[in-house]
Amino acid sequence: MKVLLILPCTAVKPYSAAPTWKYVLKKIAPLRAYVELAAIDCITNPKTGKPFGIVHEKEQYLTIRLDERPNPRKLSILIPAVRSKLKLLASRYDYIIAYINVKVYWKALLAVRDEFKITLLPSLYYREENWDVKKSGIGPRGAFYAYVGELVDTLKQKIRV
């Protein structure tokens, strides 16, 4: 059983050194043998001039010393980049799960969710209004930490551990 877990990119590179990724890695440690990580990233690949889209953990060195903030204006070029990379990766995995707290990345993955059978988490964001901190009572960073149990439970169900 193999799962691709997509996490949001971080300002810290490599991603695996970022506090948010370390937090998730600690929480999924007992399941790590079944899980490979990737970042959804809007950084422009200097070689192609297009966003990387998805950066597998084995390729995170490609983004060192590069950074771009998620930008809603890049959504139209991010979606094809994500689709293109997932076409290359999807056949290697039994499941693809995305644990995303960045609205632009959520929307990009939502656009390809059915095509690649992606489980999008946290479920808090299934309701569009929950991106509004005043309505949900929690910001994206807080949600990332608060809902990690949902991610762990979903991984356990998929992996059947």
N, C-alpha and C. Protein backbone atom coordinates (compact mmCIF):
# COMPACT_ATOMS: atom_id res chain seq x y z
N MET A 1 0.86 -1.18 0.00
CA MET A 1 0.00 0.00 0.00
C MET A 1 0.90 1.24 0.00
N LYS A 2 0.69 2.14 -0.95
CA LYS A 2 1.50 3.34 -1.05
C LYS A 2 0.59 4.55 -1.17
N VAL A 3 0.88 5.58 -0.39
CA VAL A 3 0.10 6.82 -0.38
C VAL A 3 1.01 7.99 -0.71
N LEU A 4 0.53 8.86 -1.58
CA LEU A 4 1.19 10.14 -1.81
C LEU A 4 0.46 11.17 -0.97
N LEU A 5 1.18 11.79 -0.07
CA LEU A 5 0.62 12.84 0.78
C LEU A 5 1.16 14.18 0.29
N ILE A 6 0.24 15.03 -0.15
CA ILE A 6 0.61 16.35 -0.65
C ILE A 6 0.39 17.37 0.46
N LEU A 7 1.45 18.11 0.76
CA LEU A 7 1.41 19.17 1.77
C LEU A 7 1.70 20.50 1.08
N PRO A 8 1.31 21.61 1.71
CA PRO A 8 1.64 22.90 1.11
C PRO A 8 3.14 23.17 1.18
N CYS A 9 3.63 23.92 0.20
CA CYS A 9 5.02 24.32 0.22
C CYS A 9 5.28 25.20 1.45
N THR A 10 6.52 25.43 1.72
CA THR A 10 6.90 26.27 2.85
C THR A 10 8.01 27.22 2.42
N ALA A 11 8.19 28.28 3.19
CA ALA A 11 9.30 29.20 2.92
C ALA A 11 10.63 28.53 3.24
N VAL A 12 10.62 27.60 4.18
CA VAL A 12 11.84 26.86 4.55
C VAL A 12 12.08 25.77 3.52
N LYS A 13 13.29 25.72 3.03
CA LYS A 13 13.68 24.68 2.08
C LYS A 13 14.91 23.97 2.65
N PRO A 14 15.07 22.69 2.52
CA PRO A 14 14.09 21.79 1.95
C PRO A 14 12.83 21.73 2.83
N TYR A 15 11.74 21.36 2.21
CA TYR A 15 10.44 21.34 2.91
C TYR A 15 10.48 20.49 4.16
N SER A 16 11.20 19.39 4.10
CA SER A 16 11.25 18.47 5.25
C SER A 16 11.89 19.10 6.48
N ALA A 17 12.54 20.25 6.32
CA ALA A 17 13.13 20.96 7.46
C ALA A 17 12.18 22.01 8.05
N ALA A 18 11.05 22.23 7.41
CA ALA A 18 10.08 23.24 7.87
C ALA A 18 9.31 22.74 9.09
N PRO A 19 8.99 23.63 10.03
CA PRO A 19 8.24 23.21 11.22
C PRO A 19 6.92 22.50 10.91
N THR A 20 6.18 22.96 9.91
CA THR A 20 4.90 22.32 9.60
C THR A 20 5.10 20.90 9.07
N TRP A 21 6.07 20.72 8.21
CA TRP A 21 6.33 19.39 7.69
C TRP A 21 6.86 18.48 8.79
N LYS A 22 7.74 19.00 9.65
CA LYS A 22 8.25 18.20 10.77
C LYS A 22 7.10 17.75 11.67
N TYR A 23 6.15 18.65 11.89
CA TYR A 23 4.99 18.33 12.73
C TYR A 23 4.21 17.16 12.12
N VAL A 24 3.91 17.27 10.84
CA VAL A 24 3.16 16.20 10.17
C VAL A 24 3.98 14.90 10.17
N LEU A 25 5.26 14.99 9.87
CA LEU A 25 6.10 13.80 9.86
C LEU A 25 6.11 13.09 11.22
N LYS A 26 6.13 13.87 12.29
CA LYS A 26 6.09 13.29 13.63
C LYS A 26 4.76 12.56 13.85
N LYS A 27 3.67 13.18 13.43
CA LYS A 27 2.34 12.60 13.64
C LYS A 27 2.11 11.34 12.82
N ILE A 28 2.72 11.27 11.63
CA ILE A 28 2.50 10.10 10.77
C ILE A 28 3.66 9.10 10.86
N ALA A 29 4.57 9.30 11.78
CA ALA A 29 5.77 8.46 11.88
C ALA A 29 5.48 6.96 11.82
N PRO A 30 4.47 6.44 12.54
CA PRO A 30 4.22 4.99 12.47
C PRO A 30 3.76 4.52 11.08
N LEU A 31 3.32 5.45 10.25
CA LEU A 31 2.79 5.10 8.93
C LEU A 31 3.76 5.46 7.80
N ARG A 32 4.88 6.02 8.15
CA ARG A 32 5.80 6.61 7.17
C ARG A 32 6.26 5.62 6.11
N ALA A 33 6.36 4.36 6.43
CA ALA A 33 6.80 3.37 5.45
C ALA A 33 5.83 3.27 4.26
N TYR A 34 4.60 3.71 4.46
CA TYR A 34 3.58 3.64 3.41
C TYR A 34 3.34 4.97 2.72
N VAL A 35 3.98 6.03 3.20
CA VAL A 35 3.66 7.38 2.75
C VAL A 35 4.88 8.06 2.15
N GLU A 36 4.69 8.61 0.95
CA GLU A 36 5.68 9.49 0.35
C GLU A 36 5.07 10.89 0.31
N LEU A 37 5.92 11.89 0.46
CA LEU A 37 5.45 13.27 0.52
C LEU A 37 5.75 14.03 -0.76
N ALA A 38 4.93 15.03 -0.98
CA ALA A 38 5.17 15.98 -2.07
C ALA A 38 4.61 17.32 -1.62
N ALA A 39 5.14 18.37 -2.19
CA ALA A 39 4.63 19.72 -1.93
C ALA A 39 3.86 20.18 -3.14
N ILE A 40 2.78 20.91 -2.89
CA ILE A 40 2.16 21.66 -3.98
C ILE A 40 2.81 23.03 -3.89
N ASP A 41 3.31 23.49 -5.03
CA ASP A 41 4.16 24.68 -5.01
C ASP A 41 3.94 25.51 -6.27
N CYS A 42 3.86 26.81 -6.09
CA CYS A 42 3.66 27.71 -7.24
C CYS A 42 4.97 28.35 -7.69
N ILE A 43 6.09 27.95 -7.10
CA ILE A 43 7.39 28.50 -7.50
C ILE A 43 7.61 28.26 -8.98
N THR A 44 8.07 29.28 -9.66
CA THR A 44 8.37 29.17 -11.08
C THR A 44 9.67 28.39 -11.27
N ASN A 45 9.58 27.32 -12.02
CA ASN A 45 10.74 26.52 -12.34
C ASN A 45 11.62 27.34 -13.30
N PRO A 46 12.85 27.65 -12.90
CA PRO A 46 13.70 28.49 -13.75
C PRO A 46 13.97 27.87 -15.13
N LYS A 47 13.87 26.56 -15.25
CA LYS A 47 14.13 25.89 -16.53
C LYS A 47 12.95 25.98 -17.49
N THR A 48 11.72 25.99 -16.94
CA THR A 48 10.53 25.95 -17.81
C THR A 48 9.76 27.27 -17.83
N GLY A 49 9.96 28.10 -16.79
CA GLY A 49 9.19 29.33 -16.68
C GLY A 49 7.77 29.11 -16.20
N LYS A 50 7.46 27.88 -15.82
CA LYS A 50 6.11 27.52 -15.33
C LYS A 50 6.24 27.05 -13.88
N PRO A 51 5.13 27.05 -13.14
CA PRO A 51 5.20 26.56 -11.76
C PRO A 51 5.61 25.09 -11.70
N PHE A 52 6.32 24.74 -10.64
CA PHE A 52 6.64 23.33 -10.43
C PHE A 52 5.35 22.52 -10.30
N GLY A 53 4.37 23.08 -9.58
CA GLY A 53 3.10 22.39 -9.37
C GLY A 53 3.21 21.43 -8.20
N ILE A 54 3.76 20.27 -8.46
CA ILE A 54 3.98 19.27 -7.41
C ILE A 54 5.48 18.96 -7.37
N VAL A 55 6.03 19.00 -6.17
CA VAL A 55 7.45 18.69 -5.98
C VAL A 55 7.55 17.49 -5.04
N HIS A 56 7.94 16.35 -5.57
CA HIS A 56 8.09 15.14 -4.76
C HIS A 56 9.21 15.37 -3.75
N GLU A 57 9.12 14.71 -2.61
CA GLU A 57 10.14 14.89 -1.57
C GLU A 57 11.55 14.59 -2.07
N LYS A 58 11.68 13.69 -3.04
CA LYS A 58 13.00 13.37 -3.59
C LYS A 58 13.54 14.49 -4.48
N GLU A 59 12.67 15.44 -4.84
CA GLU A 59 13.07 16.54 -5.71
C GLU A 59 13.10 17.89 -5.00
N GLN A 60 12.92 17.88 -3.68
CA GLN A 60 12.81 19.16 -2.98
C GLN A 60 14.06 20.02 -3.10
N TYR A 61 15.18 19.42 -3.41
CA TYR A 61 16.41 20.20 -3.61
C TYR A 61 16.24 21.21 -4.76
N LEU A 62 15.34 20.94 -5.70
CA LEU A 62 15.12 21.84 -6.84
C LEU A 62 14.61 23.23 -6.42
N THR A 63 13.99 23.30 -5.25
CA THR A 63 13.39 24.57 -4.81
C THR A 63 14.24 25.34 -3.80
N ILE A 64 15.38 24.79 -3.42
CA ILE A 64 16.25 25.47 -2.46
C ILE A 64 16.71 26.80 -3.07
N ARG A 65 16.62 27.83 -2.27
CA ARG A 65 16.94 29.22 -2.65
C ARG A 65 15.91 29.82 -3.61
N LEU A 66 14.76 29.19 -3.75
CA LEU A 66 13.66 29.73 -4.54
C LEU A 66 12.45 29.88 -3.63
N ASP A 67 11.64 30.88 -3.87
CA ASP A 67 10.40 31.01 -3.11
C ASP A 67 9.47 31.97 -3.82
N GLU A 68 8.19 31.68 -3.75
CA GLU A 68 7.13 32.56 -4.23
C GLU A 68 5.93 32.34 -3.33
N ARG A 69 5.26 33.41 -3.02
CA ARG A 69 4.05 33.30 -2.20
C ARG A 69 2.90 32.78 -3.07
N PRO A 70 2.03 31.95 -2.50
CA PRO A 70 0.86 31.50 -3.25
C PRO A 70 0.06 32.71 -3.73
N ASN A 71 -0.33 32.69 -4.99
CA ASN A 71 -0.98 33.84 -5.59
C ASN A 71 -2.19 33.38 -6.39
N PRO A 72 -3.38 33.87 -6.04
CA PRO A 72 -4.59 33.46 -6.77
C PRO A 72 -4.50 33.73 -8.28
N ARG A 73 -3.72 34.73 -8.67
CA ARG A 73 -3.58 35.03 -10.11
C ARG A 73 -2.83 33.93 -10.86
N LYS A 74 -2.10 33.09 -10.13
CA LYS A 74 -1.35 32.01 -10.77
C LYS A 74 -2.15 30.71 -10.87
N LEU A 75 -3.38 30.72 -10.36
CA LEU A 75 -4.19 29.50 -10.34
C LEU A 75 -4.34 28.89 -11.74
N SER A 76 -4.55 29.72 -12.74
CA SER A 76 -4.78 29.20 -14.10
C SER A 76 -3.55 28.51 -14.69
N ILE A 77 -2.35 28.84 -14.24
CA ILE A 77 -1.16 28.12 -14.71
C ILE A 77 -0.71 27.05 -13.71
N LEU A 78 -1.17 27.18 -12.47
CA LEU A 78 -0.83 26.18 -11.46
C LEU A 78 -1.58 24.88 -11.71
N ILE A 79 -2.85 24.97 -12.05
CA ILE A 79 -3.66 23.76 -12.26
C ILE A 79 -3.05 22.84 -13.33
N PRO A 80 -2.69 23.35 -14.51
CA PRO A 80 -2.08 22.44 -15.49
C PRO A 80 -0.74 21.86 -15.03
N ALA A 81 0.03 22.64 -14.26
CA ALA A 81 1.31 22.14 -13.74
C ALA A 81 1.07 20.99 -12.75
N VAL A 82 0.08 21.15 -11.90
CA VAL A 82 -0.28 20.10 -10.93
C VAL A 82 -0.77 18.87 -11.69
N ARG A 83 -1.65 19.07 -12.64
CA ARG A 83 -2.18 17.95 -13.44
C ARG A 83 -1.05 17.20 -14.14
N SER A 84 -0.17 17.92 -14.75
CA SER A 84 0.93 17.31 -15.49
C SER A 84 1.81 16.44 -14.59
N LYS A 85 2.16 16.95 -13.42
CA LYS A 85 3.01 16.18 -12.49
C LYS A 85 2.27 14.98 -11.93
N LEU A 86 0.98 15.17 -11.61
CA LEU A 86 0.21 14.05 -11.07
C LEU A 86 0.01 12.95 -12.12
N LYS A 87 -0.04 13.31 -13.39
CA LYS A 87 -0.14 12.28 -14.44
C LYS A 87 1.09 11.39 -14.41
N LEU A 88 2.24 11.96 -14.07
CA LEU A 88 3.48 11.19 -13.98
C LEU A 88 3.54 10.35 -12.70
N LEU A 89 2.98 10.87 -11.61
CA LEU A 89 3.12 10.23 -10.30
C LEU A 89 1.99 9.29 -9.91
N ALA A 90 0.78 9.58 -10.30
CA ALA A 90 -0.41 8.91 -9.75
C ALA A 90 -0.37 7.39 -9.84
N SER A 91 0.14 6.85 -10.91
CA SER A 91 0.12 5.39 -11.08
C SER A 91 1.00 4.66 -10.06
N ARG A 92 1.88 5.37 -9.39
CA ARG A 92 2.76 4.76 -8.39
C ARG A 92 2.08 4.57 -7.03
N TYR A 93 0.88 5.15 -6.87
CA TYR A 93 0.25 5.19 -5.55
C TYR A 93 -1.15 4.59 -5.58
N ASP A 94 -1.49 3.99 -4.44
CA ASP A 94 -2.86 3.48 -4.27
C ASP A 94 -3.82 4.61 -3.92
N TYR A 95 -3.30 5.61 -3.20
CA TYR A 95 -4.12 6.75 -2.78
C TYR A 95 -3.31 8.03 -2.84
N ILE A 96 -4.02 9.12 -3.10
CA ILE A 96 -3.42 10.44 -3.00
C ILE A 96 -4.26 11.23 -2.00
N ILE A 97 -3.58 11.75 -0.99
CA ILE A 97 -4.23 12.57 0.03
C ILE A 97 -3.52 13.91 0.06
N ALA A 98 -4.29 14.97 0.15
CA ALA A 98 -3.71 16.31 0.25
C ALA A 98 -4.18 16.93 1.57
N TYR A 99 -3.24 17.43 2.32
CA TYR A 99 -3.53 18.10 3.59
C TYR A 99 -3.10 19.55 3.41
N ILE A 100 -4.08 20.41 3.11
CA ILE A 100 -3.80 21.74 2.59
C ILE A 100 -4.52 22.83 3.39
N ASN A 101 -3.77 23.86 3.73
CA ASN A 101 -4.36 25.01 4.44
C ASN A 101 -4.10 26.32 3.70
N VAL A 102 -3.85 26.23 2.42
CA VAL A 102 -3.62 27.40 1.57
C VAL A 102 -4.69 27.37 0.48
N LYS A 103 -5.52 28.41 0.44
CA LYS A 103 -6.70 28.41 -0.42
C LYS A 103 -6.36 28.21 -1.90
N VAL A 104 -5.33 28.86 -2.40
CA VAL A 104 -4.95 28.71 -3.81
C VAL A 104 -4.60 27.25 -4.11
N TYR A 105 -3.87 26.63 -3.21
CA TYR A 105 -3.48 25.23 -3.41
C TYR A 105 -4.69 24.31 -3.32
N TRP A 106 -5.57 24.62 -2.37
CA TRP A 106 -6.82 23.85 -2.23
C TRP A 106 -7.60 23.90 -3.54
N LYS A 107 -7.74 25.10 -4.10
CA LYS A 107 -8.50 25.26 -5.35
C LYS A 107 -7.84 24.51 -6.50
N ALA A 108 -6.53 24.55 -6.57
CA ALA A 108 -5.82 23.84 -7.64
C ALA A 108 -6.05 22.33 -7.52
N LEU A 109 -5.97 21.81 -6.32
CA LEU A 109 -6.18 20.37 -6.12
C LEU A 109 -7.65 20.00 -6.29
N LEU A 110 -8.53 20.87 -5.91
CA LEU A 110 -9.96 20.64 -6.11
C LEU A 110 -10.27 20.50 -7.60
N ALA A 111 -9.58 21.27 -8.43
CA ALA A 111 -9.79 21.23 -9.88
C ALA A 111 -9.39 19.88 -10.49
N VAL A 112 -8.47 19.16 -9.85
CA VAL A 112 -8.02 17.87 -10.39
C VAL A 112 -8.40 16.69 -9.48
N ARG A 113 -9.14 16.99 -8.44
CA ARG A 113 -9.47 15.97 -7.43
C ARG A 113 -10.12 14.73 -8.04
N ASP A 114 -11.15 14.91 -8.84
CA ASP A 114 -11.86 13.76 -9.39
C ASP A 114 -10.99 12.95 -10.34
N GLU A 115 -10.21 13.63 -11.14
CA GLU A 115 -9.34 12.98 -12.11
C GLU A 115 -8.33 12.04 -11.44
N PHE A 116 -7.82 12.45 -10.27
CA PHE A 116 -6.79 11.68 -9.59
C PHE A 116 -7.28 11.07 -8.27
N LYS A 117 -8.58 11.16 -8.02
CA LYS A 117 -9.19 10.58 -6.81
C LYS A 117 -8.47 11.05 -5.54
N ILE A 118 -8.29 12.35 -5.43
CA ILE A 118 -7.57 12.94 -4.29
C ILE A 118 -8.52 13.14 -3.12
N THR A 119 -8.10 12.71 -1.96
CA THR A 119 -8.81 13.01 -0.72
C THR A 119 -8.25 14.32 -0.21
N LEU A 120 -9.10 15.34 -0.14
CA LEU A 120 -8.68 16.67 0.31
C LEU A 120 -9.01 16.87 1.78
N LEU A 121 -8.02 17.24 2.55
CA LEU A 121 -8.17 17.48 3.98
C LEU A 121 -7.47 18.79 4.34
N PRO A 122 -7.85 19.42 5.44
CA PRO A 122 -8.89 19.05 6.39
C PRO A 122 -10.30 19.32 5.84
N SER A 123 -11.23 18.51 6.27
CA SER A 123 -12.61 18.63 5.78
C SER A 123 -13.24 19.96 6.16
N LEU A 124 -12.67 20.67 7.10
CA LEU A 124 -13.13 22.01 7.47
C LEU A 124 -13.33 22.87 6.23
N TYR A 125 -12.45 22.72 5.25
CA TYR A 125 -12.47 23.58 4.08
C TYR A 125 -13.39 23.09 2.97
N TYR A 126 -14.15 22.02 3.21
CA TYR A 126 -15.16 21.61 2.23
C TYR A 126 -16.21 22.72 2.08
N ARG A 127 -16.39 23.47 3.15
CA ARG A 127 -17.32 24.61 3.11
C ARG A 127 -16.49 25.86 2.86
N GLU A 128 -16.71 26.48 1.72
CA GLU A 128 -15.96 27.66 1.28
C GLU A 128 -15.89 28.75 2.35
N GLU A 129 -16.98 28.95 3.07
CA GLU A 129 -16.99 30.04 4.07
C GLU A 129 -16.01 29.79 5.21
N ASN A 130 -15.56 28.57 5.39
CA ASN A 130 -14.62 28.29 6.48
C ASN A 130 -13.22 28.81 6.22
N TRP A 131 -12.96 29.31 5.01
CA TRP A 131 -11.69 29.98 4.77
C TRP A 131 -11.67 31.34 5.46
N ASP A 132 -12.86 31.83 5.80
CA ASP A 132 -13.01 33.09 6.53
C ASP A 132 -12.82 32.80 8.02
N VAL A 133 -11.76 33.33 8.60
CA VAL A 133 -11.42 33.08 10.01
C VAL A 133 -12.56 33.48 10.93
N LYS A 134 -13.25 34.55 10.60
CA LYS A 134 -14.37 35.01 11.44
C LYS A 134 -15.50 33.99 11.47
N LYS A 135 -15.70 33.27 10.40
CA LYS A 135 -16.79 32.28 10.34
C LYS A 135 -16.36 30.92 10.90
N SER A 136 -15.13 30.53 10.66
CA SER A 136 -14.68 29.21 11.11
C SER A 136 -14.12 29.23 12.52
N GLY A 137 -13.65 30.41 12.95
CA GLY A 137 -13.07 30.52 14.29
C GLY A 137 -11.63 30.03 14.36
N ILE A 138 -11.05 29.71 13.20
CA ILE A 138 -9.67 29.24 13.19
C ILE A 138 -9.00 29.67 11.88
N GLY A 139 -7.75 30.09 12.00
CA GLY A 139 -7.00 30.50 10.82
C GLY A 139 -6.36 29.30 10.15
N PRO A 140 -5.86 29.48 8.94
CA PRO A 140 -5.24 28.37 8.21
C PRO A 140 -4.09 27.70 8.96
N ARG A 141 -3.23 28.48 9.60
CA ARG A 141 -2.11 27.87 10.34
C ARG A 141 -2.64 27.05 11.53
N GLY A 142 -3.59 27.62 12.25
CA GLY A 142 -4.19 26.89 13.37
C GLY A 142 -4.87 25.62 12.91
N ALA A 143 -5.57 25.69 11.79
CA ALA A 143 -6.27 24.52 11.25
C ALA A 143 -5.27 23.42 10.88
N PHE A 144 -4.12 23.83 10.36
CA PHE A 144 -3.11 22.85 9.97
C PHE A 144 -2.71 21.99 11.16
N TYR A 145 -2.54 22.62 12.30
CA TYR A 145 -2.16 21.89 13.51
C TYR A 145 -3.36 21.21 14.18
N ALA A 146 -4.50 21.87 14.20
CA ALA A 146 -5.67 21.37 14.92
C ALA A 146 -6.30 20.14 14.27
N TYR A 147 -6.21 20.02 12.96
CA TYR A 147 -6.92 18.95 12.26
C TYR A 147 -6.01 17.80 11.80
N VAL A 148 -4.79 17.77 12.29
CA VAL A 148 -3.87 16.72 11.86
C VAL A 148 -4.37 15.32 12.25
N GLY A 149 -5.17 15.23 13.30
CA GLY A 149 -5.76 13.94 13.68
C GLY A 149 -6.63 13.36 12.57
N GLU A 150 -7.33 14.24 11.86
CA GLU A 150 -8.15 13.80 10.73
C GLU A 150 -7.26 13.20 9.63
N LEU A 151 -6.12 13.81 9.42
CA LEU A 151 -5.16 13.28 8.44
C LEU A 151 -4.68 11.90 8.88
N VAL A 152 -4.25 11.78 10.13
CA VAL A 152 -3.74 10.51 10.64
C VAL A 152 -4.81 9.42 10.54
N ASP A 153 -6.04 9.74 10.93
CA ASP A 153 -7.14 8.77 10.86
C ASP A 153 -7.40 8.33 9.42
N THR A 154 -7.36 9.28 8.50
CA THR A 154 -7.59 8.96 7.09
C THR A 154 -6.48 8.07 6.55
N LEU A 155 -5.24 8.37 6.90
CA LEU A 155 -4.12 7.53 6.48
C LEU A 155 -4.28 6.11 7.03
N LYS A 156 -4.65 5.99 8.30
CA LYS A 156 -4.84 4.66 8.91
C LYS A 156 -5.93 3.89 8.19
N GLN A 157 -7.01 4.56 7.82
CA GLN A 157 -8.10 3.89 7.08
C GLN A 157 -7.63 3.40 5.73
N LYS A 158 -6.91 4.23 5.01
CA LYS A 158 -6.45 3.87 3.66
C LYS A 158 -5.42 2.75 3.72
N ILE A 159 -4.52 2.85 4.68
CA ILE A 159 -3.44 1.88 4.80
C ILE A 159 -3.92 0.63 5.53
N ARG A 160 -4.98 0.78 6.30
CA ARG A 160 -5.58 -0.29 7.10
C ARG A 160 -4.63 -0.80 8.17
N VAL A 161 -4.09 0.17 8.92
CA VAL A 161 -3.18 -0.16 10.02
C VAL A 161 -3.96 -0.14 11.32
